[in-house]
């Protein structure tokens, strides 16, 4: 009985270090810390990202309107690093086709992306999983 309990605890301990290899699903922007300044999510609209195994599509949602796609991109995960490349946007961007190296972490239902942008500014974004 002790061996079974010890084996079970070992499996739980080892699985706590497991990192996912995909962000697959729908995530809603919940705010960020940009260059040390904390900001919440906008209240007049919602930003969402839909991830599949290799790509994401970002949309802006306003009440009474259809979702508006504003960005697409590619991503890959390696250990605790997320490499993200914006491949299309409907607005002017200095990040188009530039790969950003983020540290990523999933805490409960929250995706946290933190890194340094090409302009040298730090960012930490929070995205809540949409059920």
N, C-alpha and C. Protein backbone atom coordinates (compact mmCIF):
# COMPACT_ATOMS: atom_id res chain seq x y z
N UNK A 1 0.81 -1.19 0.00
CA UNK A 1 0.00 0.00 0.00
C UNK A 1 0.87 1.26 0.00
N UNK A 2 1.96 1.24 0.76
CA UNK A 2 2.84 2.40 0.81
C UNK A 2 3.50 2.64 -0.54
N UNK A 3 3.83 1.55 -1.26
CA UNK A 3 4.46 1.68 -2.57
C UNK A 3 3.49 2.33 -3.57
N UNK A 4 2.24 1.94 -3.49
CA UNK A 4 1.23 2.51 -4.39
C UNK A 4 1.05 3.99 -4.09
N UNK A 5 0.96 4.35 -2.82
CA UNK A 5 0.81 5.76 -2.44
C UNK A 5 2.03 6.57 -2.86
N UNK A 6 3.22 6.02 -2.66
CA UNK A 6 4.45 6.72 -3.06
C UNK A 6 4.50 6.89 -4.58
N UNK A 7 4.10 5.87 -5.32
CA UNK A 7 4.08 5.96 -6.78
C UNK A 7 3.09 7.03 -7.24
N UNK A 8 1.94 7.06 -6.62
CA UNK A 8 0.93 8.05 -6.96
C UNK A 8 1.44 9.47 -6.69
N UNK A 9 2.08 9.68 -5.55
CA UNK A 9 2.63 11.00 -5.22
C UNK A 9 3.74 11.39 -6.19
N UNK A 10 4.56 10.43 -6.61
CA UNK A 10 5.62 10.70 -7.56
C UNK A 10 5.04 11.14 -8.91
N UNK A 11 3.99 10.47 -9.36
CA UNK A 11 3.33 10.83 -10.62
C UNK A 11 2.77 12.25 -10.53
N UNK A 12 2.13 12.58 -9.43
CA UNK A 12 1.57 13.92 -9.24
C UNK A 12 2.69 14.96 -9.24
N UNK A 13 3.77 14.68 -8.55
CA UNK A 13 4.89 15.61 -8.49
C UNK A 13 5.50 15.84 -9.87
N UNK A 14 5.74 14.78 -10.62
CA UNK A 14 6.33 14.91 -11.94
C UNK A 14 5.39 15.60 -12.92
N UNK A 15 4.11 15.35 -12.81
CA UNK A 15 3.16 15.98 -13.73
C UNK A 15 3.02 17.47 -13.46
N UNK A 16 3.37 17.92 -12.26
CA UNK A 16 3.28 19.36 -11.97
C UNK A 16 4.34 20.15 -12.74
N UNK A 17 5.39 19.48 -13.23
CA UNK A 17 6.43 20.15 -14.01
C UNK A 17 6.17 20.07 -15.51
N UNK A 18 5.10 19.41 -15.90
CA UNK A 18 4.78 19.25 -17.31
C UNK A 18 4.37 20.58 -17.92
N UNK A 19 4.96 20.93 -19.04
CA UNK A 19 4.57 22.13 -19.79
C UNK A 19 3.79 21.68 -21.03
N UNK A 20 2.73 22.37 -21.31
CA UNK A 20 1.93 22.05 -22.48
C UNK A 20 2.71 22.40 -23.75
N UNK A 21 2.40 21.77 -24.86
CA UNK A 21 3.09 22.10 -26.11
C UNK A 21 2.16 22.82 -27.08
N UNK A 22 1.03 23.27 -26.59
CA UNK A 22 0.09 24.03 -27.41
C UNK A 22 -0.73 24.96 -26.51
N UNK A 23 -1.17 26.05 -27.07
CA UNK A 23 -2.07 26.97 -26.37
C UNK A 23 -3.49 26.82 -26.90
N UNK A 24 -3.75 25.75 -27.58
CA UNK A 24 -5.01 25.53 -28.28
C UNK A 24 -6.21 25.91 -27.42
N UNK A 25 -7.09 26.71 -28.04
CA UNK A 25 -8.29 27.15 -27.35
C UNK A 25 -8.52 28.64 -27.55
N UNK A 26 -9.49 29.16 -26.81
CA UNK A 26 -9.85 30.58 -26.91
C UNK A 26 -9.45 31.27 -25.62
N UNK A 27 -8.79 32.43 -25.76
CA UNK A 27 -8.29 33.20 -24.62
C UNK A 27 -8.77 34.65 -24.74
N UNK A 28 -9.11 35.25 -23.60
CA UNK A 28 -9.60 36.63 -23.58
C UNK A 28 -8.61 37.50 -22.81
N UNK A 29 -8.29 38.64 -23.40
CA UNK A 29 -7.33 39.56 -22.81
C UNK A 29 -7.84 40.07 -21.47
N UNK A 30 -6.97 40.00 -20.45
CA UNK A 30 -7.37 40.39 -19.10
C UNK A 30 -6.52 41.51 -18.53
N UNK A 31 -5.67 42.12 -19.33
CA UNK A 31 -4.85 43.23 -18.85
C UNK A 31 -3.37 42.93 -19.02
N UNK A 32 -2.54 43.92 -18.63
CA UNK A 32 -1.10 43.75 -18.78
C UNK A 32 -0.35 44.64 -17.82
N UNK A 33 0.94 44.44 -17.79
CA UNK A 33 1.87 45.34 -17.12
C UNK A 33 2.84 45.75 -18.22
N UNK A 34 2.76 47.00 -18.64
CA UNK A 34 3.58 47.49 -19.75
C UNK A 34 4.57 48.50 -19.20
N UNK A 35 5.83 48.15 -19.28
CA UNK A 35 6.91 49.02 -18.77
C UNK A 35 6.67 49.41 -17.31
N UNK A 36 6.21 48.44 -16.51
CA UNK A 36 6.00 48.67 -15.09
C UNK A 36 4.65 49.26 -14.72
N UNK A 37 3.82 49.61 -15.71
CA UNK A 37 2.52 50.20 -15.45
C UNK A 37 1.42 49.18 -15.70
N UNK A 38 0.65 48.90 -14.65
CA UNK A 38 -0.42 47.90 -14.74
C UNK A 38 -1.67 48.51 -15.35
N UNK A 39 -2.26 47.80 -16.33
CA UNK A 39 -3.50 48.23 -16.96
C UNK A 39 -4.46 47.05 -17.04
N UNK A 40 -5.72 47.31 -16.82
CA UNK A 40 -6.74 46.27 -16.93
C UNK A 40 -7.21 46.14 -18.37
N UNK A 41 -8.06 45.18 -18.58
CA UNK A 41 -8.65 44.98 -19.91
C UNK A 41 -9.61 46.12 -20.21
N UNK A 42 -9.77 46.47 -21.49
CA UNK A 42 -10.74 47.52 -21.83
C UNK A 42 -12.16 47.08 -21.45
N UNK A 43 -12.99 48.04 -21.12
CA UNK A 43 -14.36 47.71 -20.71
C UNK A 43 -15.37 47.88 -21.85
N UNK A 44 -15.03 48.66 -22.87
CA UNK A 44 -15.98 48.92 -23.96
C UNK A 44 -15.93 47.87 -25.06
N UNK A 45 -14.92 46.99 -25.02
CA UNK A 45 -14.81 45.90 -25.99
C UNK A 45 -13.97 44.78 -25.37
N UNK A 46 -13.95 43.63 -26.04
CA UNK A 46 -13.19 42.47 -25.59
C UNK A 46 -12.22 42.05 -26.68
N UNK A 47 -11.03 41.67 -26.29
CA UNK A 47 -10.04 41.12 -27.22
C UNK A 47 -9.93 39.63 -26.95
N UNK A 48 -9.98 38.85 -28.01
CA UNK A 48 -9.85 37.40 -27.89
C UNK A 48 -8.83 36.87 -28.87
N UNK A 49 -8.19 35.79 -28.48
CA UNK A 49 -7.30 35.05 -29.37
C UNK A 49 -7.76 33.60 -29.42
N UNK A 50 -7.80 33.07 -30.64
CA UNK A 50 -8.07 31.65 -30.83
C UNK A 50 -6.77 31.02 -31.31
N UNK A 51 -6.27 30.07 -30.54
CA UNK A 51 -5.04 29.37 -30.89
C UNK A 51 -5.37 27.97 -31.39
N UNK A 52 -4.67 27.55 -32.45
CA UNK A 52 -4.67 26.13 -32.81
C UNK A 52 -3.28 25.63 -32.46
N UNK A 53 -2.80 24.57 -33.08
CA UNK A 53 -1.51 24.02 -32.70
C UNK A 53 -0.31 24.89 -33.08
N UNK A 54 -0.46 25.77 -34.09
CA UNK A 54 0.68 26.55 -34.58
C UNK A 54 0.38 28.03 -34.83
N UNK A 55 -0.89 28.40 -34.87
CA UNK A 55 -1.27 29.75 -35.27
C UNK A 55 -2.29 30.34 -34.29
N UNK A 56 -2.44 31.64 -34.37
CA UNK A 56 -3.49 32.30 -33.60
C UNK A 56 -4.18 33.34 -34.47
N UNK A 57 -5.41 33.65 -34.10
CA UNK A 57 -6.19 34.70 -34.75
C UNK A 57 -6.80 35.56 -33.65
N UNK A 58 -6.56 36.86 -33.71
CA UNK A 58 -7.05 37.77 -32.69
C UNK A 58 -8.24 38.56 -33.22
N UNK A 59 -9.26 38.71 -32.37
CA UNK A 59 -10.47 39.43 -32.75
C UNK A 59 -10.87 40.42 -31.68
N UNK A 60 -11.52 41.49 -32.13
CA UNK A 60 -12.10 42.49 -31.26
C UNK A 60 -13.61 42.28 -31.27
N UNK A 61 -14.20 42.21 -30.09
CA UNK A 61 -15.64 41.98 -29.98
C UNK A 61 -16.29 43.15 -29.25
N UNK A 62 -17.30 43.74 -29.90
CA UNK A 62 -18.11 44.79 -29.30
C UNK A 62 -19.55 44.32 -29.27
N UNK A 63 -20.28 44.70 -28.23
CA UNK A 63 -21.68 44.31 -28.14
C UNK A 63 -22.44 44.88 -29.33
N UNK A 64 -23.26 44.03 -29.93
CA UNK A 64 -24.08 44.45 -31.06
C UNK A 64 -23.36 44.44 -32.40
N UNK A 65 -22.11 44.00 -32.43
CA UNK A 65 -21.34 43.95 -33.68
C UNK A 65 -20.74 42.56 -33.88
N UNK A 66 -20.43 42.27 -35.13
CA UNK A 66 -19.75 41.01 -35.42
C UNK A 66 -18.29 41.12 -34.97
N UNK A 67 -17.66 40.00 -34.57
CA UNK A 67 -16.24 40.04 -34.22
C UNK A 67 -15.41 40.54 -35.41
N UNK A 68 -14.42 41.37 -35.12
CA UNK A 68 -13.55 41.93 -36.16
C UNK A 68 -12.14 41.37 -35.97
N UNK A 69 -11.68 40.62 -36.97
CA UNK A 69 -10.33 40.08 -36.92
C UNK A 69 -9.35 41.23 -37.09
N UNK A 70 -8.37 41.32 -36.18
CA UNK A 70 -7.39 42.40 -36.29
C UNK A 70 -5.94 41.92 -36.39
N UNK A 71 -5.72 40.61 -36.17
CA UNK A 71 -4.34 40.13 -36.20
C UNK A 71 -4.31 38.61 -36.35
N UNK A 72 -3.31 38.12 -37.04
CA UNK A 72 -3.03 36.68 -37.07
C UNK A 72 -1.54 36.49 -36.85
N UNK A 73 -1.19 35.28 -36.47
CA UNK A 73 0.23 35.02 -36.24
C UNK A 73 0.53 33.55 -36.07
N UNK A 74 1.82 33.28 -35.96
CA UNK A 74 2.33 31.94 -35.73
C UNK A 74 2.96 31.91 -34.35
N UNK A 75 2.98 30.73 -33.74
CA UNK A 75 3.65 30.60 -32.46
C UNK A 75 4.20 29.18 -32.32
N UNK A 76 5.18 29.05 -31.45
CA UNK A 76 5.68 27.73 -31.07
C UNK A 76 6.13 27.79 -29.62
N UNK A 77 6.01 26.67 -28.95
CA UNK A 77 6.39 26.57 -27.55
C UNK A 77 7.59 25.66 -27.42
N UNK A 78 8.52 26.05 -26.56
CA UNK A 78 9.69 25.23 -26.26
C UNK A 78 10.02 25.46 -24.79
N UNK A 79 9.81 24.42 -24.00
CA UNK A 79 9.98 24.52 -22.54
C UNK A 79 9.10 25.65 -22.02
N UNK A 80 9.68 26.71 -21.45
CA UNK A 80 8.87 27.82 -20.93
C UNK A 80 8.90 29.05 -21.84
N UNK A 81 9.28 28.85 -23.10
CA UNK A 81 9.39 29.95 -24.06
C UNK A 81 8.32 29.83 -25.14
N UNK A 82 7.69 30.96 -25.44
CA UNK A 82 6.73 31.05 -26.54
C UNK A 82 7.33 32.00 -27.57
N UNK A 83 7.55 31.50 -28.77
CA UNK A 83 8.01 32.34 -29.88
C UNK A 83 6.79 32.71 -30.69
N UNK A 84 6.54 34.01 -30.81
CA UNK A 84 5.33 34.49 -31.46
C UNK A 84 5.69 35.47 -32.57
N UNK A 85 5.10 35.26 -33.74
CA UNK A 85 5.34 36.13 -34.90
C UNK A 85 4.01 36.61 -35.46
N UNK A 86 3.81 37.89 -35.45
CA UNK A 86 2.61 38.49 -36.05
C UNK A 86 2.79 38.40 -37.57
N UNK A 87 1.82 37.77 -38.27
CA UNK A 87 1.93 37.59 -39.72
C UNK A 87 0.99 38.49 -40.51
N UNK A 88 -0.03 39.05 -39.86
CA UNK A 88 -0.97 39.95 -40.52
C UNK A 88 -1.61 40.82 -39.45
N UNK A 89 -1.90 42.06 -39.81
CA UNK A 89 -2.65 42.95 -38.93
C UNK A 89 -3.39 43.98 -39.77
N UNK A 90 -4.53 44.42 -39.27
CA UNK A 90 -5.29 45.43 -40.01
C UNK A 90 -4.95 46.85 -39.54
N UNK A 91 -3.90 46.97 -38.75
CA UNK A 91 -3.46 48.28 -38.28
C UNK A 91 -1.94 48.39 -38.41
N UNK A 92 -1.44 49.60 -38.36
CA UNK A 92 0.00 49.80 -38.48
C UNK A 92 0.71 49.10 -37.32
N UNK A 93 1.80 48.38 -37.61
CA UNK A 93 2.50 47.63 -36.58
C UNK A 93 3.99 47.58 -36.87
N UNK A 94 4.78 47.77 -35.83
CA UNK A 94 6.23 47.62 -35.94
C UNK A 94 6.66 46.20 -35.60
N UNK A 95 5.69 45.33 -35.30
CA UNK A 95 5.99 43.95 -34.92
C UNK A 95 5.70 42.95 -36.04
N UNK A 96 5.20 43.44 -37.17
CA UNK A 96 4.84 42.54 -38.27
C UNK A 96 6.07 41.75 -38.73
N UNK A 97 5.93 40.43 -38.77
CA UNK A 97 6.98 39.48 -39.19
C UNK A 97 8.23 39.52 -38.33
N UNK A 98 8.11 39.98 -37.10
CA UNK A 98 9.21 39.96 -36.13
C UNK A 98 8.86 38.96 -35.04
N UNK A 99 9.74 38.03 -34.77
CA UNK A 99 9.49 37.03 -33.74
C UNK A 99 9.84 37.59 -32.37
N UNK A 100 8.87 37.51 -31.46
CA UNK A 100 9.05 37.96 -30.08
C UNK A 100 9.24 36.71 -29.21
N UNK A 101 10.23 36.75 -28.35
CA UNK A 101 10.50 35.66 -27.41
C UNK A 101 9.83 36.01 -26.08
N UNK A 102 8.81 35.25 -25.73
CA UNK A 102 8.11 35.44 -24.46
C UNK A 102 8.42 34.29 -23.53
N UNK A 103 8.44 34.57 -22.25
CA UNK A 103 8.36 33.52 -21.25
C UNK A 103 6.87 33.30 -21.08
N UNK A 104 6.42 32.06 -21.10
CA UNK A 104 5.00 31.82 -20.90
C UNK A 104 4.77 30.91 -19.72
N UNK A 105 3.62 31.11 -19.10
CA UNK A 105 3.22 30.30 -17.97
C UNK A 105 1.70 30.23 -17.98
N UNK A 106 1.18 29.07 -17.63
CA UNK A 106 -0.27 28.93 -17.48
C UNK A 106 -0.53 28.65 -16.01
N UNK A 107 -1.24 29.58 -15.37
CA UNK A 107 -1.62 29.44 -13.97
C UNK A 107 -3.13 29.30 -13.92
N UNK A 108 -3.59 28.14 -13.50
CA UNK A 108 -5.02 27.84 -13.49
C UNK A 108 -5.60 28.09 -14.87
N UNK A 109 -6.41 29.12 -15.05
CA UNK A 109 -7.02 29.41 -16.36
C UNK A 109 -6.42 30.66 -17.00
N UNK A 110 -5.22 31.07 -16.58
CA UNK A 110 -4.61 32.30 -17.08
C UNK A 110 -3.29 32.02 -17.78
N UNK A 111 -3.18 32.52 -19.00
CA UNK A 111 -1.94 32.48 -19.77
C UNK A 111 -1.20 33.78 -19.51
N UNK A 112 0.06 33.68 -19.12
CA UNK A 112 0.87 34.86 -18.86
C UNK A 112 2.03 34.85 -19.85
N UNK A 113 2.10 35.89 -20.66
CA UNK A 113 3.19 36.08 -21.62
C UNK A 113 4.01 37.27 -21.17
N UNK A 114 5.31 37.07 -20.91
CA UNK A 114 6.15 38.19 -20.49
C UNK A 114 7.43 38.20 -21.30
N UNK A 115 7.87 39.42 -21.64
CA UNK A 115 9.07 39.53 -22.44
C UNK A 115 9.46 40.98 -22.68
N UNK A 116 10.48 41.13 -23.50
CA UNK A 116 10.98 42.45 -23.89
C UNK A 116 10.67 42.63 -25.37
N UNK A 117 9.99 43.72 -25.70
CA UNK A 117 9.66 44.02 -27.09
C UNK A 117 10.89 44.58 -27.80
N UNK A 118 10.89 44.58 -29.14
CA UNK A 118 12.05 45.08 -29.89
C UNK A 118 12.45 46.52 -29.55
N UNK A 119 11.50 47.32 -29.06
CA UNK A 119 11.81 48.70 -28.69
C UNK A 119 12.41 48.80 -27.28
N UNK A 120 12.63 47.64 -26.64
CA UNK A 120 13.25 47.61 -25.32
C UNK A 120 12.29 47.69 -24.15
N UNK A 121 11.02 47.82 -24.41
CA UNK A 121 10.03 47.92 -23.33
C UNK A 121 9.58 46.53 -22.88
N UNK A 122 9.36 46.41 -21.59
CA UNK A 122 8.91 45.13 -21.03
C UNK A 122 7.39 45.05 -21.05
N UNK A 123 6.90 43.84 -21.23
CA UNK A 123 5.46 43.61 -21.24
C UNK A 123 5.15 42.29 -20.55
N UNK A 124 4.05 42.27 -19.84
CA UNK A 124 3.53 41.04 -19.25
C UNK A 124 2.03 41.06 -19.50
N UNK A 125 1.56 40.17 -20.38
CA UNK A 125 0.14 40.13 -20.75
C UNK A 125 -0.55 38.99 -20.03
N UNK A 126 -1.83 39.20 -19.71
CA UNK A 126 -2.64 38.19 -19.05
C UNK A 126 -3.83 37.86 -19.95
N UNK A 127 -4.03 36.59 -20.23
CA UNK A 127 -5.12 36.10 -21.07
C UNK A 127 -5.85 35.00 -20.30
N UNK A 128 -7.15 35.16 -20.11
CA UNK A 128 -7.98 34.17 -19.42
C UNK A 128 -8.58 33.19 -20.43
N UNK A 129 -8.55 31.91 -20.09
CA UNK A 129 -9.15 30.89 -20.97
C UNK A 129 -10.67 31.09 -20.98
N UNK A 130 -11.24 31.07 -22.18
CA UNK A 130 -12.68 31.17 -22.36
C UNK A 130 -13.23 29.76 -22.41
N UNK A 131 -14.24 29.49 -21.65
CA UNK A 131 -14.80 28.14 -21.58
C UNK A 131 -15.84 27.91 -22.63
